[in-house]
Amino acid sequence: IPNEQTQDPNNYFFGYIGVASALVFANLGAAYGSAKAGVGICSMGVLKPDLIMKSVVPVVMAGILGIYGMIVAVIIVQKVHILLPSSFKDYGANVAYAHLASGLCCGFSSLAAGLAIGIVGDAGVRANAQQDKIFVGMILILIFGEALALY
């Protein structure tokens, strides 16, 4: 028995919003993390320019968040097929909502990770300029912050 709900062409809207959510929110997290950590690097680099390259690690880790969003967006968009009106039933509401949920999960997780990486990166590179022993601890905190996006 065909389900009337599965023949709604508006299901594509929810699927593509999932694609957009994964990409946009992940890139927001990457941009914030890069900017916040970059401010710390610039501030620290005035007094200790020899530590600038060592302090770029948080910016690189924040940039990876955008790649997570792109990967999930590509996976979802491959599942959202542009079909002829006669075959709308192939992309049902339950699948569209699942794609929306997965895009939102990826995007918001990457946004949260970007906030964490930015704050830790900013404080970490400034602290590293004062005490070299804090570098390993900063890297570990950044790794756990990055793991938020992988969940």
N, C-alpha and C. Protein backbone atom coordinates (compact mmCIF):
# COMPACT_ATOMS: atom_id res chain seq x y z
N ILE A 1 0.87 -1.17 0.00
CA ILE A 1 0.00 0.00 0.00
C ILE A 1 0.91 1.23 0.00
N PRO A 2 0.82 2.06 -1.04
CA PRO A 2 1.68 3.26 -1.07
C PRO A 2 1.26 4.27 -0.02
N ASN A 3 2.21 4.89 0.56
CA ASN A 3 1.97 5.91 1.57
C ASN A 3 1.89 7.27 0.88
N GLU A 4 0.82 8.01 1.13
CA GLU A 4 0.64 9.31 0.50
C GLU A 4 1.74 10.29 0.90
N GLN A 5 2.26 10.14 2.13
CA GLN A 5 3.27 11.05 2.63
C GLN A 5 4.58 10.92 1.84
N THR A 6 4.86 9.73 1.31
CA THR A 6 6.12 9.50 0.62
C THR A 6 6.13 10.14 -0.76
N GLN A 7 5.00 10.63 -1.27
CA GLN A 7 4.97 11.20 -2.61
C GLN A 7 5.01 12.73 -2.60
N ASP A 8 5.41 13.31 -1.52
CA ASP A 8 5.46 14.76 -1.38
C ASP A 8 6.79 15.30 -1.91
N PRO A 9 6.76 16.14 -2.93
CA PRO A 9 8.02 16.69 -3.46
C PRO A 9 8.73 17.64 -2.49
N ASN A 10 8.03 18.08 -1.43
CA ASN A 10 8.65 18.95 -0.45
C ASN A 10 9.68 18.22 0.42
N ASN A 11 9.71 16.90 0.32
CA ASN A 11 10.70 16.14 1.08
C ASN A 11 12.12 16.54 0.69
N TYR A 12 12.29 16.93 -0.57
CA TYR A 12 13.61 17.34 -1.02
C TYR A 12 14.10 18.57 -0.27
N PHE A 13 13.18 19.43 0.11
CA PHE A 13 13.55 20.62 0.88
C PHE A 13 14.28 20.22 2.16
N PHE A 14 13.72 19.27 2.88
CA PHE A 14 14.32 18.86 4.15
C PHE A 14 15.67 18.17 3.93
N GLY A 15 15.77 17.40 2.87
CA GLY A 15 17.05 16.76 2.56
C GLY A 15 18.13 17.77 2.25
N TYR A 16 17.79 18.75 1.43
CA TYR A 16 18.78 19.76 1.07
C TYR A 16 19.08 20.72 2.21
N ILE A 17 18.13 20.94 3.10
CA ILE A 17 18.43 21.74 4.30
C ILE A 17 19.43 20.99 5.18
N GLY A 18 19.34 19.67 5.22
CA GLY A 18 20.34 18.87 5.93
C GLY A 18 21.72 19.04 5.32
N VAL A 19 21.79 19.05 3.99
CA VAL A 19 23.06 19.28 3.30
C VAL A 19 23.62 20.64 3.66
N ALA A 20 22.76 21.67 3.56
CA ALA A 20 23.19 23.03 3.86
C ALA A 20 23.59 23.18 5.32
N SER A 21 22.86 22.54 6.22
CA SER A 21 23.18 22.65 7.64
C SER A 21 24.55 22.07 7.95
N ALA A 22 24.84 20.91 7.37
CA ALA A 22 26.14 20.29 7.62
C ALA A 22 27.26 21.22 7.15
N LEU A 23 27.11 21.77 5.97
CA LEU A 23 28.17 22.60 5.41
C LEU A 23 28.29 23.95 6.10
N VAL A 24 27.16 24.61 6.31
CA VAL A 24 27.19 25.97 6.85
C VAL A 24 27.65 25.99 8.30
N PHE A 25 27.06 25.16 9.14
CA PHE A 25 27.41 25.20 10.56
C PHE A 25 28.83 24.68 10.81
N ALA A 26 29.26 23.69 10.03
CA ALA A 26 30.64 23.21 10.18
C ALA A 26 31.62 24.29 9.78
N ASN A 27 31.32 25.02 8.73
CA ASN A 27 32.21 26.10 8.32
C ASN A 27 32.16 27.29 9.28
N LEU A 28 31.02 27.51 9.91
CA LEU A 28 30.96 28.54 10.95
C LEU A 28 31.89 28.17 12.11
N GLY A 29 31.85 26.92 12.51
CA GLY A 29 32.75 26.46 13.58
C GLY A 29 34.21 26.57 13.17
N ALA A 30 34.51 26.18 11.94
CA ALA A 30 35.89 26.27 11.45
C ALA A 30 36.35 27.72 11.39
N ALA A 31 35.48 28.61 10.93
CA ALA A 31 35.85 30.02 10.83
C ALA A 31 36.06 30.64 12.20
N TYR A 32 35.17 30.34 13.13
CA TYR A 32 35.33 30.89 14.48
C TYR A 32 36.60 30.37 15.14
N GLY A 33 36.82 29.07 15.04
CA GLY A 33 38.01 28.48 15.65
C GLY A 33 39.29 29.05 15.05
N SER A 34 39.31 29.22 13.74
CA SER A 34 40.49 29.79 13.08
C SER A 34 40.70 31.24 13.49
N ALA A 35 39.63 32.00 13.52
CA ALA A 35 39.75 33.42 13.85
C ALA A 35 40.19 33.62 15.30
N LYS A 36 39.55 32.90 16.21
CA LYS A 36 39.86 33.07 17.63
C LYS A 36 41.30 32.62 17.93
N ALA A 37 41.70 31.48 17.38
CA ALA A 37 43.07 31.01 17.59
C ALA A 37 44.07 31.92 16.88
N GLY A 38 43.67 32.45 15.73
CA GLY A 38 44.54 33.37 15.00
C GLY A 38 44.81 34.65 15.77
N VAL A 39 43.82 35.14 16.48
CA VAL A 39 44.01 36.32 17.33
C VAL A 39 45.05 36.03 18.41
N GLY A 40 44.96 34.85 19.00
CA GLY A 40 45.95 34.47 20.01
C GLY A 40 47.35 34.35 19.43
N ILE A 41 47.45 33.80 18.22
CA ILE A 41 48.75 33.66 17.57
C ILE A 41 49.36 35.03 17.28
N CYS A 42 48.55 35.93 16.77
CA CYS A 42 49.05 37.28 16.47
C CYS A 42 49.49 38.00 17.74
N SER A 43 48.73 37.85 18.79
CA SER A 43 49.07 38.50 20.05
C SER A 43 50.35 37.92 20.64
N MET A 44 50.46 36.61 20.55
CA MET A 44 51.64 35.94 21.10
C MET A 44 52.86 36.20 20.22
N GLY A 45 52.66 36.28 18.92
CA GLY A 45 53.77 36.44 17.97
C GLY A 45 54.50 37.76 18.08
N VAL A 46 53.91 38.73 18.72
CA VAL A 46 54.59 40.02 18.89
C VAL A 46 55.81 39.86 19.80
N LEU A 47 55.65 39.08 20.87
CA LEU A 47 56.75 38.91 21.82
C LEU A 47 57.63 37.71 21.50
N LYS A 48 57.03 36.65 20.95
CA LYS A 48 57.80 35.43 20.64
C LYS A 48 57.52 34.97 19.22
N PRO A 49 58.08 35.64 18.22
CA PRO A 49 57.80 35.27 16.82
C PRO A 49 58.32 33.89 16.43
N ASP A 50 59.25 33.34 17.18
CA ASP A 50 59.78 32.01 16.87
C ASP A 50 58.76 30.90 17.16
N LEU A 51 57.71 31.19 17.92
CA LEU A 51 56.70 30.18 18.25
C LEU A 51 55.49 30.21 17.32
N ILE A 52 55.51 31.07 16.31
CA ILE A 52 54.31 31.22 15.46
C ILE A 52 53.98 29.92 14.74
N MET A 53 54.96 29.29 14.11
CA MET A 53 54.67 28.07 13.34
C MET A 53 54.21 26.92 14.25
N LYS A 54 54.76 26.86 15.44
CA LYS A 54 54.35 25.83 16.39
C LYS A 54 52.91 26.07 16.87
N SER A 55 52.48 27.33 16.84
CA SER A 55 51.17 27.69 17.35
C SER A 55 50.06 27.63 16.30
N VAL A 56 50.38 27.21 15.11
CA VAL A 56 49.37 27.14 14.05
C VAL A 56 48.50 25.89 14.18
N VAL A 57 48.85 24.99 15.06
CA VAL A 57 48.11 23.72 15.22
C VAL A 57 46.61 23.95 15.46
N PRO A 58 46.19 24.87 16.33
CA PRO A 58 44.74 25.06 16.52
C PRO A 58 44.02 25.54 15.25
N VAL A 59 44.69 26.34 14.45
CA VAL A 59 44.08 26.83 13.22
C VAL A 59 43.88 25.67 12.23
N VAL A 60 44.86 24.79 12.14
CA VAL A 60 44.74 23.62 11.27
C VAL A 60 43.61 22.71 11.75
N MET A 61 43.55 22.50 13.05
CA MET A 61 42.51 21.63 13.60
C MET A 61 41.12 22.24 13.39
N ALA A 62 41.01 23.55 13.47
CA ALA A 62 39.72 24.19 13.22
C ALA A 62 39.35 24.06 11.74
N GLY A 63 40.32 24.14 10.86
CA GLY A 63 40.04 24.00 9.44
C GLY A 63 39.52 22.62 9.06
N ILE A 64 39.92 21.63 9.81
CA ILE A 64 39.45 20.26 9.55
C ILE A 64 37.94 20.15 9.77
N LEU A 65 37.40 20.98 10.64
CA LEU A 65 35.96 20.94 10.91
C LEU A 65 35.15 21.24 9.65
N GLY A 66 35.63 22.16 8.84
CA GLY A 66 34.95 22.46 7.58
C GLY A 66 34.96 21.26 6.64
N ILE A 67 36.05 20.49 6.68
CA ILE A 67 36.13 19.29 5.84
C ILE A 67 35.12 18.25 6.29
N TYR A 68 34.93 18.13 7.62
CA TYR A 68 33.90 17.20 8.12
C TYR A 68 32.54 17.56 7.54
N GLY A 69 32.20 18.84 7.58
CA GLY A 69 30.92 19.28 7.03
C GLY A 69 30.80 19.01 5.55
N MET A 70 31.88 19.22 4.82
CA MET A 70 31.84 18.97 3.38
C MET A 70 31.64 17.49 3.08
N ILE A 71 32.31 16.63 3.82
CA ILE A 71 32.18 15.19 3.60
C ILE A 71 30.75 14.74 3.85
N VAL A 72 30.16 15.16 4.97
CA VAL A 72 28.79 14.77 5.28
C VAL A 72 27.82 15.35 4.26
N ALA A 73 28.04 16.59 3.84
CA ALA A 73 27.16 17.20 2.84
C ALA A 73 27.21 16.44 1.52
N VAL A 74 28.39 16.02 1.10
CA VAL A 74 28.51 15.25 -0.15
C VAL A 74 27.82 13.90 -0.02
N ILE A 75 27.98 13.25 1.13
CA ILE A 75 27.32 11.95 1.33
C ILE A 75 25.80 12.11 1.28
N ILE A 76 25.28 13.14 1.94
CA ILE A 76 23.83 13.34 1.96
C ILE A 76 23.32 13.71 0.58
N VAL A 77 24.00 14.62 -0.11
CA VAL A 77 23.49 15.09 -1.41
C VAL A 77 23.48 13.96 -2.44
N GLN A 78 24.35 12.98 -2.29
CA GLN A 78 24.32 11.83 -3.19
C GLN A 78 23.10 10.96 -2.94
N LYS A 79 22.57 11.01 -1.73
CA LYS A 79 21.37 10.23 -1.40
C LYS A 79 20.08 10.94 -1.81
N VAL A 80 20.14 12.27 -1.95
CA VAL A 80 18.96 13.04 -2.35
C VAL A 80 18.98 13.10 -3.87
N HIS A 81 18.31 12.18 -4.49
CA HIS A 81 18.31 12.13 -5.95
C HIS A 81 17.28 13.10 -6.49
N ILE A 82 17.63 13.75 -7.59
CA ILE A 82 16.66 14.58 -8.28
C ILE A 82 15.89 13.65 -9.21
N LEU A 83 14.67 13.37 -8.82
CA LEU A 83 13.86 12.40 -9.54
C LEU A 83 12.75 13.08 -10.32
N LEU A 84 12.22 12.35 -11.26
CA LEU A 84 11.07 12.85 -12.00
C LEU A 84 9.84 12.86 -11.10
N PRO A 85 8.87 13.75 -11.37
CA PRO A 85 7.69 13.81 -10.49
C PRO A 85 6.96 12.48 -10.33
N SER A 86 7.07 11.61 -11.29
CA SER A 86 6.37 10.33 -11.18
C SER A 86 7.02 9.40 -10.16
N SER A 87 8.24 9.68 -9.76
CA SER A 87 8.92 8.76 -8.84
C SER A 87 9.30 9.43 -7.52
N PHE A 88 8.51 10.40 -7.08
CA PHE A 88 8.77 11.06 -5.80
C PHE A 88 8.71 10.09 -4.63
N LYS A 89 7.99 9.01 -4.78
CA LYS A 89 7.83 8.08 -3.68
C LYS A 89 9.16 7.43 -3.28
N ASP A 90 10.18 7.55 -4.12
CA ASP A 90 11.48 6.97 -3.79
C ASP A 90 12.22 7.75 -2.71
N TYR A 91 11.82 8.98 -2.47
CA TYR A 91 12.46 9.79 -1.44
C TYR A 91 11.39 10.24 -0.46
N GLY A 92 11.19 9.42 0.55
CA GLY A 92 10.11 9.65 1.50
C GLY A 92 10.47 10.64 2.58
N ALA A 93 9.46 11.02 3.34
CA ALA A 93 9.64 11.99 4.42
C ALA A 93 10.56 11.46 5.50
N ASN A 94 10.46 10.17 5.79
CA ASN A 94 11.33 9.62 6.84
C ASN A 94 12.80 9.70 6.46
N VAL A 95 13.12 9.48 5.19
CA VAL A 95 14.50 9.59 4.73
C VAL A 95 14.93 11.06 4.71
N ALA A 96 14.04 11.94 4.28
CA ALA A 96 14.35 13.37 4.25
C ALA A 96 14.63 13.90 5.65
N TYR A 97 13.81 13.50 6.61
CA TYR A 97 14.03 13.95 7.99
C TYR A 97 15.32 13.37 8.56
N ALA A 98 15.64 12.15 8.16
CA ALA A 98 16.90 11.55 8.61
C ALA A 98 18.09 12.33 8.05
N HIS A 99 17.99 12.76 6.80
CA HIS A 99 19.06 13.56 6.21
C HIS A 99 19.15 14.92 6.88
N LEU A 100 18.02 15.50 7.21
CA LEU A 100 18.03 16.77 7.94
C LEU A 100 18.69 16.60 9.30
N ALA A 101 18.31 15.56 10.00
CA ALA A 101 18.87 15.31 11.34
C ALA A 101 20.37 15.05 11.26
N SER A 102 20.81 14.29 10.28
CA SER A 102 22.25 14.01 10.19
C SER A 102 23.03 15.25 9.82
N GLY A 103 22.48 16.10 8.97
CA GLY A 103 23.15 17.36 8.65
C GLY A 103 23.24 18.29 9.83
N LEU A 104 22.15 18.36 10.60
CA LEU A 104 22.16 19.20 11.79
C LEU A 104 23.13 18.66 12.85
N CYS A 105 23.17 17.35 13.00
CA CYS A 105 24.12 16.75 13.97
C CYS A 105 25.55 17.09 13.60
N CYS A 106 25.90 16.91 12.36
CA CYS A 106 27.26 17.20 11.91
C CYS A 106 27.57 18.68 12.06
N GLY A 107 26.65 19.52 11.60
CA GLY A 107 26.89 20.96 11.63
C GLY A 107 27.02 21.52 13.02
N PHE A 108 26.09 21.18 13.89
CA PHE A 108 26.13 21.73 15.25
C PHE A 108 27.28 21.14 16.07
N SER A 109 27.62 19.88 15.83
CA SER A 109 28.77 19.29 16.52
C SER A 109 30.06 19.98 16.10
N SER A 110 30.18 20.27 14.82
CA SER A 110 31.37 20.97 14.34
C SER A 110 31.40 22.42 14.83
N LEU A 111 30.23 23.03 14.93
CA LEU A 111 30.17 24.39 15.47
C LEU A 111 30.64 24.41 16.93
N ALA A 112 30.16 23.46 17.72
CA ALA A 112 30.58 23.37 19.12
C ALA A 112 32.08 23.10 19.22
N ALA A 113 32.58 22.21 18.36
CA ALA A 113 34.01 21.91 18.38
C ALA A 113 34.82 23.13 17.97
N GLY A 114 34.31 23.92 17.03
CA GLY A 114 35.01 25.13 16.62
C GLY A 114 35.08 26.15 17.74
N LEU A 115 34.01 26.26 18.51
CA LEU A 115 34.03 27.16 19.66
C LEU A 115 35.08 26.70 20.68
N ALA A 116 35.10 25.40 20.94
CA ALA A 116 36.07 24.86 21.90
C ALA A 116 37.50 25.04 21.41
N ILE A 117 37.74 24.73 20.15
CA ILE A 117 39.09 24.84 19.60
C ILE A 117 39.55 26.29 19.58
N GLY A 118 38.65 27.19 19.24
CA GLY A 118 39.02 28.61 19.20
C GLY A 118 39.41 29.14 20.56
N ILE A 119 38.62 28.83 21.56
CA ILE A 119 38.90 29.33 22.91
C ILE A 119 40.17 28.70 23.48
N VAL A 120 40.28 27.38 23.34
CA VAL A 120 41.48 26.69 23.84
C VAL A 120 42.71 27.11 23.04
N GLY A 121 42.55 27.27 21.74
CA GLY A 121 43.69 27.68 20.91
C GLY A 121 44.17 29.07 21.27
N ASP A 122 43.25 29.99 21.50
CA ASP A 122 43.62 31.35 21.87
C ASP A 122 44.38 31.37 23.20
N ALA A 123 43.78 30.78 24.21
CA ALA A 123 44.42 30.76 25.52
C ALA A 123 45.68 29.90 25.53
N GLY A 124 45.64 28.80 24.77
CA GLY A 124 46.76 27.87 24.77
C GLY A 124 48.03 28.44 24.15
N VAL A 125 47.90 29.11 23.02
CA VAL A 125 49.11 29.66 22.40
C VAL A 125 49.68 30.82 23.21
N ARG A 126 48.81 31.57 23.86
CA ARG A 126 49.32 32.65 24.74
C ARG A 126 50.04 32.06 25.95
N ALA A 127 49.47 31.00 26.52
CA ALA A 127 50.10 30.35 27.68
C ALA A 127 51.39 29.66 27.27
N ASN A 128 51.42 29.10 26.07
CA ASN A 128 52.61 28.42 25.58
C ASN A 128 53.78 29.39 25.43
N ALA A 129 53.48 30.64 25.15
CA ALA A 129 54.55 31.64 25.05
C ALA A 129 55.20 31.90 26.40
N GLN A 130 54.46 31.67 27.45
CA GLN A 130 54.99 31.91 28.80
C GLN A 130 55.60 30.65 29.42
N GLN A 131 55.04 29.49 29.06
CA GLN A 131 55.52 28.23 29.65
C GLN A 131 55.48 27.15 28.58
N ASP A 132 56.67 26.63 28.21
CA ASP A 132 56.76 25.63 27.13
C ASP A 132 56.09 24.30 27.48
N LYS A 133 56.00 23.98 28.74
CA LYS A 133 55.46 22.68 29.15
C LYS A 133 53.96 22.55 28.90
N ILE A 134 53.29 23.64 28.63
CA ILE A 134 51.84 23.59 28.44
C ILE A 134 51.45 23.12 27.04
N PHE A 135 52.41 23.01 26.14
CA PHE A 135 52.10 22.68 24.74
C PHE A 135 51.42 21.32 24.60
N VAL A 136 51.94 20.30 25.24
CA VAL A 136 51.36 18.96 25.14
C VAL A 136 49.94 18.94 25.70
N GLY A 137 49.73 19.61 26.82
CA GLY A 137 48.39 19.70 27.39
C GLY A 137 47.43 20.42 26.46
N MET A 138 47.89 21.48 25.81
CA MET A 138 47.05 22.19 24.86
C MET A 138 46.66 21.29 23.69
N ILE A 139 47.61 20.53 23.18
CA ILE A 139 47.34 19.63 22.06
C ILE A 139 46.30 18.58 22.47
N LEU A 140 46.44 18.03 23.66
CA LEU A 140 45.48 17.02 24.12
C LEU A 140 44.08 17.62 24.24
N ILE A 141 43.98 18.82 24.78
CA ILE A 141 42.67 19.46 24.90
C ILE A 141 42.09 19.74 23.52
N LEU A 142 42.92 20.15 22.59
CA LEU A 142 42.45 20.40 21.22
C LEU A 142 41.96 19.11 20.56
N ILE A 143 42.65 18.02 20.82
CA ILE A 143 42.24 16.73 20.24
C ILE A 143 40.87 16.32 20.77
N PHE A 144 40.66 16.50 22.06
CA PHE A 144 39.35 16.16 22.62
C PHE A 144 38.28 17.12 22.14
N GLY A 145 38.64 18.37 21.91
CA GLY A 145 37.68 19.32 21.34
C GLY A 145 37.33 18.94 19.91
N GLU A 146 38.30 18.48 19.15
CA GLU A 146 38.06 18.04 17.77
C GLU A 146 37.19 16.80 17.75
N ALA A 147 37.34 15.95 18.76
CA ALA A 147 36.53 14.73 18.83
C ALA A 147 35.05 15.03 18.95
N LEU A 148 34.69 16.20 19.48
CA LEU A 148 33.28 16.57 19.55
C LEU A 148 32.64 16.56 18.18
N ALA A 149 33.38 16.98 17.18
CA ALA A 149 32.83 17.01 15.82
C ALA A 149 32.69 15.62 15.23
N LEU A 150 33.47 14.68 15.71
CA LEU A 150 33.40 13.31 15.17
C LEU A 150 32.24 12.52 15.77
N TYR A 151 31.72 12.97 16.90
CA TYR A 151 30.62 12.23 17.52
C TYR A 151 29.41 12.29 16.64
